[in-house]
N, C-alpha and C. Protein backbone atom coordinates (compact mmCIF):
# COMPACT_ATOMS: atom_id res chain seq x y z
N MET A 1 89.24 128.34 113.64
CA MET A 1 89.43 129.16 114.85
C MET A 1 88.37 130.24 114.89
N ALA A 2 87.86 130.48 116.07
CA ALA A 2 86.76 131.46 116.24
C ALA A 2 87.34 132.90 116.10
N GLU A 3 86.55 133.66 115.39
CA GLU A 3 86.94 135.10 115.23
C GLU A 3 86.53 135.85 116.45
N GLU A 4 87.38 136.84 116.79
CA GLU A 4 87.08 137.71 117.93
C GLU A 4 86.26 138.90 117.49
N THR A 5 85.19 139.13 118.19
CA THR A 5 84.35 140.30 117.87
C THR A 5 84.88 141.53 118.56
N ILE A 6 84.32 142.67 118.20
CA ILE A 6 84.81 143.93 118.84
C ILE A 6 84.47 143.97 120.28
N LEU A 7 83.37 143.28 120.70
CA LEU A 7 82.93 143.27 122.09
C LEU A 7 83.84 142.39 122.95
N GLN A 8 84.69 141.53 122.34
CA GLN A 8 85.59 140.71 123.08
C GLN A 8 86.96 141.34 123.17
N HIS A 9 87.16 142.48 122.62
CA HIS A 9 88.44 143.17 122.71
C HIS A 9 88.80 143.51 124.16
N TRP A 10 90.06 143.44 124.49
CA TRP A 10 90.47 143.63 125.90
C TRP A 10 90.07 144.97 126.48
N ILE A 11 90.00 145.97 125.69
CA ILE A 11 89.57 147.32 126.17
C ILE A 11 88.12 147.26 126.73
N PHE A 12 87.28 146.49 126.06
CA PHE A 12 85.91 146.34 126.56
C PHE A 12 85.83 145.45 127.72
N THR A 13 86.46 144.22 127.63
CA THR A 13 86.31 143.22 128.63
C THR A 13 87.09 143.58 129.93
N GLN A 14 88.19 144.22 129.81
CA GLN A 14 89.00 144.52 131.01
C GLN A 14 88.75 145.94 131.55
N PHE A 15 88.16 146.83 130.77
CA PHE A 15 87.96 148.21 131.23
C PHE A 15 86.51 148.68 131.17
N ALA A 16 85.97 148.72 129.94
CA ALA A 16 84.69 149.37 129.72
C ALA A 16 83.53 148.65 130.41
N PHE A 17 83.38 147.35 130.21
CA PHE A 17 82.22 146.60 130.79
C PHE A 17 82.26 146.62 132.32
N PRO A 18 83.41 146.25 132.94
CA PRO A 18 83.42 146.32 134.44
C PRO A 18 83.18 147.75 134.95
N PHE A 19 83.76 148.74 134.32
CA PHE A 19 83.52 150.10 134.76
C PHE A 19 82.06 150.49 134.67
N LEU A 20 81.46 150.22 133.52
CA LEU A 20 80.02 150.55 133.35
C LEU A 20 79.15 149.84 134.35
N LEU A 21 79.42 148.58 134.57
CA LEU A 21 78.63 147.76 135.51
C LEU A 21 78.71 148.38 136.92
N VAL A 22 79.90 148.66 137.39
CA VAL A 22 80.06 149.21 138.72
C VAL A 22 79.50 150.65 138.76
N PHE A 23 79.75 151.40 137.75
CA PHE A 23 79.27 152.76 137.76
C PHE A 23 77.79 152.81 137.85
N PHE A 24 77.06 152.01 137.06
CA PHE A 24 75.56 152.05 137.09
C PHE A 24 75.01 151.48 138.35
N ILE A 25 75.60 150.47 138.88
CA ILE A 25 75.10 149.86 140.15
C ILE A 25 75.29 150.87 141.30
N VAL A 26 76.51 151.45 141.39
CA VAL A 26 76.74 152.36 142.47
C VAL A 26 75.88 153.62 142.30
N TYR A 27 75.78 154.12 141.10
CA TYR A 27 74.90 155.29 140.90
C TYR A 27 73.47 154.98 141.24
N GLY A 28 72.95 153.80 140.87
CA GLY A 28 71.58 153.45 141.24
C GLY A 28 71.38 153.30 142.73
N VAL A 29 72.35 152.69 143.40
CA VAL A 29 72.22 152.60 144.85
C VAL A 29 72.30 153.92 145.51
N LEU A 30 73.17 154.79 145.09
CA LEU A 30 73.32 156.12 145.72
C LEU A 30 72.04 156.93 145.41
N SER A 31 71.50 156.85 144.24
CA SER A 31 70.29 157.59 143.87
C SER A 31 69.08 157.13 144.71
N LYS A 32 68.99 155.79 144.79
CA LYS A 32 67.83 155.21 145.52
C LYS A 32 67.87 155.48 147.03
N THR A 33 69.05 155.29 147.60
CA THR A 33 69.19 155.48 149.05
C THR A 33 69.31 156.90 149.49
N LYS A 34 69.74 157.76 148.58
CA LYS A 34 69.95 159.22 148.89
C LYS A 34 70.88 159.40 150.03
N VAL A 35 71.96 158.64 150.07
CA VAL A 35 72.94 158.74 151.11
C VAL A 35 73.66 160.06 151.04
N LEU A 36 73.96 160.51 149.82
CA LEU A 36 74.71 161.74 149.58
C LEU A 36 73.78 162.92 149.30
N GLY A 37 72.49 162.73 149.46
CA GLY A 37 71.58 163.79 149.22
C GLY A 37 70.86 163.62 147.88
N GLU A 38 70.19 164.67 147.43
CA GLU A 38 69.45 164.64 146.20
C GLU A 38 70.22 164.89 144.92
N GLY A 39 71.48 165.37 145.05
CA GLY A 39 72.27 165.83 143.92
C GLY A 39 72.66 164.65 143.01
N LYS A 40 72.19 164.76 141.74
CA LYS A 40 72.53 163.68 140.77
C LYS A 40 73.97 163.79 140.34
N GLN A 41 74.51 165.01 140.30
CA GLN A 41 75.88 165.14 139.91
C GLN A 41 76.88 164.53 140.91
N LEU A 42 76.56 164.71 142.21
CA LEU A 42 77.43 164.20 143.24
C LEU A 42 77.34 162.64 143.20
N ASN A 43 76.18 162.10 143.01
CA ASN A 43 76.04 160.65 142.92
C ASN A 43 76.81 160.09 141.70
N ALA A 44 76.72 160.81 140.60
CA ALA A 44 77.40 160.37 139.41
C ALA A 44 78.94 160.47 139.51
N LEU A 45 79.40 161.53 140.19
CA LEU A 45 80.84 161.72 140.39
C LEU A 45 81.37 160.64 141.31
N VAL A 46 80.70 160.34 142.41
CA VAL A 46 81.17 159.33 143.32
C VAL A 46 81.11 157.96 142.64
N ALA A 47 80.09 157.66 141.85
CA ALA A 47 80.00 156.42 141.12
C ALA A 47 81.11 156.30 140.11
N PHE A 48 81.43 157.44 139.45
CA PHE A 48 82.52 157.41 138.46
C PHE A 48 83.85 157.09 139.11
N VAL A 49 84.16 157.74 140.25
CA VAL A 49 85.43 157.48 140.96
C VAL A 49 85.48 156.04 141.43
N ILE A 50 84.36 155.53 142.04
CA ILE A 50 84.41 154.12 142.52
C ILE A 50 84.57 153.20 141.29
N GLY A 51 83.95 153.49 140.17
CA GLY A 51 84.15 152.69 139.00
C GLY A 51 85.52 152.65 138.49
N LEU A 52 86.19 153.82 138.51
CA LEU A 52 87.64 153.87 138.08
C LEU A 52 88.49 153.14 139.09
N ILE A 53 88.24 153.31 140.35
CA ILE A 53 89.12 152.55 141.36
C ILE A 53 88.87 151.08 141.16
N PHE A 54 87.62 150.70 140.92
CA PHE A 54 87.36 149.24 140.71
C PHE A 54 88.11 148.67 139.51
N VAL A 55 88.13 149.40 138.45
CA VAL A 55 88.78 148.89 137.18
C VAL A 55 90.28 148.73 137.39
N THR A 56 90.89 149.45 138.31
CA THR A 56 92.33 149.33 138.53
C THR A 56 92.66 148.16 139.36
N ALA A 57 91.76 147.56 140.09
CA ALA A 57 92.04 146.36 140.93
C ALA A 57 91.75 145.13 140.19
N ILE A 58 92.65 144.22 140.17
CA ILE A 58 92.55 142.97 139.37
C ILE A 58 91.62 141.95 140.03
N THR A 59 91.91 141.64 141.30
CA THR A 59 91.19 140.52 141.93
C THR A 59 89.73 140.79 142.07
N PRO A 60 89.23 142.00 142.54
CA PRO A 60 87.81 142.19 142.60
C PRO A 60 87.18 142.17 141.21
N LYS A 61 87.89 142.63 140.21
CA LYS A 61 87.34 142.57 138.85
C LYS A 61 87.11 141.11 138.38
N LEU A 62 88.08 140.24 138.72
CA LEU A 62 87.93 138.80 138.38
C LEU A 62 86.77 138.16 139.12
N VAL A 63 86.64 138.56 140.38
CA VAL A 63 85.53 138.02 141.20
C VAL A 63 84.19 138.46 140.61
N VAL A 64 84.06 139.73 140.28
CA VAL A 64 82.83 140.24 139.74
C VAL A 64 82.54 139.56 138.37
N SER A 65 83.60 139.45 137.56
CA SER A 65 83.38 138.76 136.27
C SER A 65 82.87 137.35 136.39
N ASN A 66 83.46 136.59 137.31
CA ASN A 66 83.04 135.23 137.55
C ASN A 66 81.57 135.20 138.06
N MET A 67 81.24 136.13 138.98
CA MET A 67 79.92 136.15 139.52
C MET A 67 78.87 136.54 138.48
N ILE A 68 79.22 137.37 137.57
CA ILE A 68 78.30 137.81 136.53
C ILE A 68 78.09 136.64 135.60
N LEU A 69 79.14 135.87 135.26
CA LEU A 69 78.97 134.70 134.44
C LEU A 69 78.08 133.68 135.11
N PHE A 70 78.29 133.45 136.41
CA PHE A 70 77.44 132.54 137.20
C PHE A 70 76.00 132.98 137.21
N LEU A 71 75.80 134.28 137.42
CA LEU A 71 74.45 134.83 137.50
C LEU A 71 73.77 134.63 136.16
N THR A 72 74.48 134.88 135.07
CA THR A 72 73.88 134.73 133.74
C THR A 72 73.41 133.32 133.50
N VAL A 73 74.30 132.31 133.80
CA VAL A 73 73.90 130.90 133.59
C VAL A 73 72.76 130.55 134.52
N ALA A 74 72.80 130.99 135.79
CA ALA A 74 71.72 130.66 136.76
C ALA A 74 70.39 131.24 136.28
N LEU A 75 70.38 132.47 135.71
CA LEU A 75 69.18 133.08 135.24
C LEU A 75 68.59 132.27 134.05
N ILE A 76 69.45 131.85 133.17
CA ILE A 76 68.97 131.05 132.00
C ILE A 76 68.43 129.71 132.48
N VAL A 77 69.14 129.06 133.42
CA VAL A 77 68.64 127.78 133.92
C VAL A 77 67.26 127.93 134.61
N MET A 78 67.13 129.01 135.38
CA MET A 78 65.84 129.21 136.06
C MET A 78 64.74 129.61 135.03
N PHE A 79 65.13 130.33 133.98
CA PHE A 79 64.16 130.65 132.93
C PHE A 79 63.66 129.35 132.28
N VAL A 80 64.55 128.50 131.95
CA VAL A 80 64.14 127.22 131.28
C VAL A 80 63.28 126.37 132.19
N ALA A 81 63.65 126.32 133.50
CA ALA A 81 62.78 125.55 134.43
C ALA A 81 61.42 126.18 134.59
N LEU A 82 61.34 127.47 134.69
CA LEU A 82 59.99 128.15 134.83
C LEU A 82 59.25 128.04 133.49
N LEU A 83 59.87 128.03 132.39
CA LEU A 83 59.21 127.87 131.08
C LEU A 83 58.63 126.44 131.01
N LEU A 84 59.42 125.44 131.40
CA LEU A 84 58.86 124.05 131.47
C LEU A 84 57.63 123.96 132.39
N TRP A 85 57.71 124.58 133.54
CA TRP A 85 56.66 124.57 134.53
C TRP A 85 55.39 125.24 133.92
N GLY A 86 55.62 126.33 133.19
CA GLY A 86 54.49 127.02 132.55
C GLY A 86 53.87 126.22 131.45
N PHE A 87 54.68 125.51 130.69
CA PHE A 87 54.15 124.63 129.59
C PHE A 87 53.30 123.50 130.19
N ILE A 88 53.70 122.90 131.29
CA ILE A 88 52.96 121.79 131.88
C ILE A 88 51.73 122.28 132.56
N GLY A 89 51.81 123.45 133.23
CA GLY A 89 50.68 123.95 134.09
C GLY A 89 49.76 124.89 133.37
N ALA A 90 50.01 125.22 132.10
CA ALA A 90 49.22 126.27 131.44
C ALA A 90 47.89 125.78 131.06
N GLY A 91 46.88 126.61 131.34
CA GLY A 91 45.50 126.34 130.93
C GLY A 91 45.03 127.38 129.91
N LYS A 92 43.79 127.39 129.70
CA LYS A 92 43.20 128.33 128.71
C LYS A 92 43.38 129.76 129.18
N ASP A 93 43.18 130.02 130.48
CA ASP A 93 43.28 131.41 131.00
C ASP A 93 44.58 131.58 131.80
N GLY A 94 45.62 130.99 131.37
CA GLY A 94 46.92 131.09 132.12
C GLY A 94 47.10 129.79 132.87
N ILE A 95 47.95 129.90 133.90
CA ILE A 95 48.28 128.71 134.68
C ILE A 95 47.10 128.30 135.53
N GLN A 96 46.60 127.09 135.32
CA GLN A 96 45.49 126.53 136.07
C GLN A 96 45.95 125.30 136.82
N PHE A 97 46.95 125.48 137.66
CA PHE A 97 47.57 124.34 138.33
C PHE A 97 47.02 124.23 139.78
N SER A 98 46.16 125.10 140.20
CA SER A 98 45.67 125.09 141.55
C SER A 98 44.75 123.92 141.82
N ASN A 99 44.12 123.35 140.84
CA ASN A 99 43.22 122.23 141.05
C ASN A 99 43.95 120.89 141.06
N ALA A 100 45.17 120.86 140.67
CA ALA A 100 45.95 119.58 140.66
C ALA A 100 46.24 119.14 142.09
N PRO A 101 46.28 117.80 142.27
CA PRO A 101 46.66 117.29 143.62
C PRO A 101 48.09 117.74 143.90
N LYS A 102 48.35 117.88 145.24
CA LYS A 102 49.65 118.34 145.73
C LYS A 102 50.74 117.35 145.32
N GLY A 103 50.47 116.06 145.39
CA GLY A 103 51.46 115.05 145.00
C GLY A 103 51.87 115.19 143.54
N LEU A 104 50.87 115.45 142.69
CA LEU A 104 51.20 115.58 141.26
C LEU A 104 52.10 116.81 141.04
N LYS A 105 51.82 117.86 141.78
CA LYS A 105 52.68 119.11 141.61
C LYS A 105 54.16 118.77 141.98
N TRP A 106 54.31 118.00 143.03
CA TRP A 106 55.65 117.63 143.47
C TRP A 106 56.33 116.73 142.46
N ILE A 107 55.58 115.77 141.91
CA ILE A 107 56.20 114.83 140.95
C ILE A 107 56.59 115.65 139.72
N ILE A 108 55.73 116.53 139.19
CA ILE A 108 56.07 117.31 138.01
C ILE A 108 57.24 118.22 138.28
N GLY A 109 57.29 118.80 139.51
CA GLY A 109 58.37 119.66 139.84
C GLY A 109 59.74 118.90 139.89
N ILE A 110 59.68 117.70 140.46
CA ILE A 110 60.93 116.92 140.50
C ILE A 110 61.36 116.51 139.07
N VAL A 111 60.39 116.08 138.26
CA VAL A 111 60.74 115.74 136.86
C VAL A 111 61.34 116.96 136.15
N ILE A 112 60.80 118.15 136.36
CA ILE A 112 61.35 119.33 135.71
C ILE A 112 62.76 119.60 136.19
N VAL A 113 62.99 119.52 137.53
CA VAL A 113 64.34 119.74 138.07
C VAL A 113 65.34 118.73 137.47
N ILE A 114 64.92 117.45 137.37
CA ILE A 114 65.82 116.47 136.80
C ILE A 114 66.12 116.79 135.31
N ALA A 115 65.04 117.17 134.59
CA ALA A 115 65.22 117.52 133.18
C ALA A 115 66.15 118.76 133.03
N VAL A 116 66.00 119.70 133.86
CA VAL A 116 66.87 120.86 133.76
C VAL A 116 68.34 120.50 134.08
N VAL A 117 68.51 119.64 135.11
CA VAL A 117 69.85 119.22 135.49
C VAL A 117 70.51 118.47 134.35
N PHE A 118 69.78 117.53 133.73
CA PHE A 118 70.30 116.79 132.62
C PHE A 118 70.55 117.73 131.40
N GLY A 119 69.66 118.70 131.18
CA GLY A 119 69.91 119.69 130.10
C GLY A 119 71.12 120.51 130.38
N LEU A 120 71.36 120.88 131.62
CA LEU A 120 72.57 121.67 131.96
C LEU A 120 73.82 120.78 131.76
N LEU A 121 73.75 119.55 132.21
CA LEU A 121 74.91 118.65 132.00
C LEU A 121 75.21 118.41 130.48
N TRP A 122 74.11 118.25 129.76
CA TRP A 122 74.29 118.08 128.30
C TRP A 122 74.90 119.29 127.68
N SER A 123 74.46 120.50 128.07
CA SER A 123 74.97 121.70 127.42
C SER A 123 76.44 121.94 127.80
N MET A 124 76.83 121.40 128.89
CA MET A 124 78.27 121.57 129.29
C MET A 124 79.13 120.40 128.76
N GLY A 125 78.52 119.46 128.07
CA GLY A 125 79.25 118.31 127.50
C GLY A 125 79.62 117.28 128.56
N GLN A 126 78.96 117.26 129.65
CA GLN A 126 79.27 116.38 130.75
C GLN A 126 78.26 115.22 130.90
N GLU A 127 77.25 115.11 130.07
CA GLU A 127 76.22 114.17 130.27
C GLU A 127 76.68 112.68 130.30
N SER A 128 77.61 112.36 129.38
CA SER A 128 78.04 110.99 129.32
C SER A 128 78.83 110.57 130.58
N LYS A 129 79.59 111.50 131.13
CA LYS A 129 80.31 111.21 132.38
C LYS A 129 79.35 111.11 133.52
N ALA A 130 78.43 112.06 133.65
CA ALA A 130 77.51 112.09 134.79
C ALA A 130 76.53 110.94 134.71
N VAL A 131 75.91 110.75 133.50
CA VAL A 131 74.90 109.72 133.41
C VAL A 131 75.55 108.35 133.53
N GLY A 132 76.76 108.18 133.00
CA GLY A 132 77.46 106.90 133.15
C GLY A 132 77.77 106.59 134.56
N SER A 133 78.24 107.55 135.34
CA SER A 133 78.62 107.31 136.74
C SER A 133 77.29 107.11 137.56
N ILE A 134 76.24 107.77 137.26
CA ILE A 134 74.99 107.57 137.99
C ILE A 134 74.45 106.17 137.65
N PHE A 135 74.47 105.84 136.37
CA PHE A 135 74.01 104.48 135.95
C PHE A 135 74.84 103.42 136.63
N ASN A 136 76.13 103.53 136.63
CA ASN A 136 77.01 102.56 137.27
C ASN A 136 76.72 102.48 138.78
N PHE A 137 76.50 103.62 139.37
CA PHE A 137 76.26 103.64 140.85
C PHE A 137 74.92 102.96 141.17
N LEU A 138 73.89 103.20 140.30
CA LEU A 138 72.56 102.67 140.61
C LEU A 138 72.38 101.22 140.16
N PHE A 139 73.04 100.77 139.09
CA PHE A 139 72.72 99.48 138.50
C PHE A 139 73.90 98.56 138.38
N ALA A 140 75.11 98.95 138.61
CA ALA A 140 76.25 98.06 138.38
C ALA A 140 76.98 97.77 139.71
N GLN A 141 76.28 97.80 140.83
CA GLN A 141 76.88 97.51 142.12
C GLN A 141 76.48 96.13 142.60
N SER A 142 77.19 95.65 143.57
CA SER A 142 76.81 94.32 144.11
C SER A 142 75.46 94.31 144.79
N TRP A 143 75.04 95.41 145.32
CA TRP A 143 73.77 95.57 146.07
C TRP A 143 72.59 95.91 145.22
N SER A 144 72.86 96.31 143.92
CA SER A 144 71.81 96.97 143.16
C SER A 144 70.65 95.98 142.74
N SER A 145 70.99 94.75 142.40
CA SER A 145 69.91 93.88 141.97
C SER A 145 68.95 93.56 143.05
N SER A 146 69.37 93.33 144.27
CA SER A 146 68.44 93.08 145.38
C SER A 146 67.72 94.39 145.77
N PHE A 147 68.38 95.49 145.69
CA PHE A 147 67.72 96.75 146.06
C PHE A 147 66.61 97.04 145.09
N TRP A 148 66.83 96.96 143.77
CA TRP A 148 65.82 97.27 142.79
C TRP A 148 64.70 96.29 142.81
N THR A 149 64.94 95.06 143.08
CA THR A 149 63.87 94.06 143.22
C THR A 149 63.02 94.41 144.41
N ASN A 150 63.56 94.73 145.52
CA ASN A 150 62.79 95.13 146.68
C ASN A 150 62.00 96.45 146.45
N PHE A 151 62.70 97.36 145.78
CA PHE A 151 62.13 98.69 145.59
C PHE A 151 60.89 98.54 144.63
N LEU A 152 61.00 97.75 143.58
CA LEU A 152 59.90 97.58 142.66
C LEU A 152 58.72 96.85 143.36
N PHE A 153 59.06 95.83 144.21
CA PHE A 153 58.04 95.11 144.93
C PHE A 153 57.23 96.05 145.86
N ILE A 154 57.97 96.89 146.58
CA ILE A 154 57.34 97.84 147.56
C ILE A 154 56.49 98.83 146.73
N ALA A 155 57.03 99.29 145.59
CA ALA A 155 56.33 100.30 144.82
C ALA A 155 54.97 99.69 144.29
N VAL A 156 55.00 98.47 143.81
CA VAL A 156 53.78 97.84 143.31
C VAL A 156 52.80 97.69 144.46
N VAL A 157 53.26 97.26 145.64
CA VAL A 157 52.36 97.11 146.80
C VAL A 157 51.74 98.45 147.17
N LEU A 158 52.55 99.51 147.21
CA LEU A 158 52.02 100.82 147.60
C LEU A 158 51.02 101.34 146.54
N ILE A 159 51.29 101.14 145.29
CA ILE A 159 50.40 101.57 144.25
C ILE A 159 49.04 100.83 144.37
N ALA A 160 49.13 99.52 144.58
CA ALA A 160 47.94 98.70 144.84
C ALA A 160 47.11 99.22 146.05
N LEU A 161 47.81 99.51 147.11
CA LEU A 161 47.11 99.96 148.34
C LEU A 161 46.44 101.31 148.05
N VAL A 162 47.17 102.21 147.37
CA VAL A 162 46.60 103.51 147.05
C VAL A 162 45.32 103.36 146.21
N LEU A 163 45.38 102.49 145.15
CA LEU A 163 44.24 102.30 144.33
C LEU A 163 43.07 101.66 145.09
N ILE A 164 43.35 100.74 146.03
CA ILE A 164 42.29 100.10 146.77
C ILE A 164 41.64 101.08 147.74
N LEU A 165 42.49 101.84 148.44
CA LEU A 165 41.98 102.80 149.42
C LEU A 165 41.26 103.93 148.74
N ARG A 166 41.64 104.29 147.59
CA ARG A 166 41.00 105.37 146.80
C ARG A 166 39.60 104.95 146.38
N ASN A 167 39.52 103.74 145.97
CA ASN A 167 38.15 103.19 145.53
C ASN A 167 37.22 103.02 146.73
N THR A 168 37.72 102.68 147.90
CA THR A 168 36.89 102.48 149.06
C THR A 168 36.34 103.78 149.59
N LYS A 169 37.14 104.90 149.47
CA LYS A 169 36.69 106.19 149.93
C LYS A 169 35.51 106.71 149.09
N LYS A 170 35.45 106.45 147.82
CA LYS A 170 34.40 106.84 146.92
C LYS A 170 33.15 106.02 147.23
């Protein structure tokens, strides 16, 4: 059984963290917009009262908690995607992806998105369900054998045409 840390105690999760989050966001917005004037004490007092009112309400606190969890996961997923993009496009002096053909950028971008989606599914423990259902949908249907035969035929013809037309332009 997993041990509970002090940061998981109900006083922190139900009171301190939501209060601090709302307090600092409201204080920052009031300070930046100067709605109540230049007084830091007034901004802090209003933010303190709003934070206390927020902590007493259950439903908004649950909504904010769920949104913060979603935001955290979304930021990590975007970080991984941008990190993969940087690894692929990095050159000696930083990202040197401007010289690559536009089609190559799209292909690499799509591959990165697919990799991140599969990584997210794997981290949630859903990869076998998702991959299995995708595999069954694409390859175990009555229409799939004729579709993939035609798809591969058209792909080979298009690749041949691109190579022929590319050589004639040079």
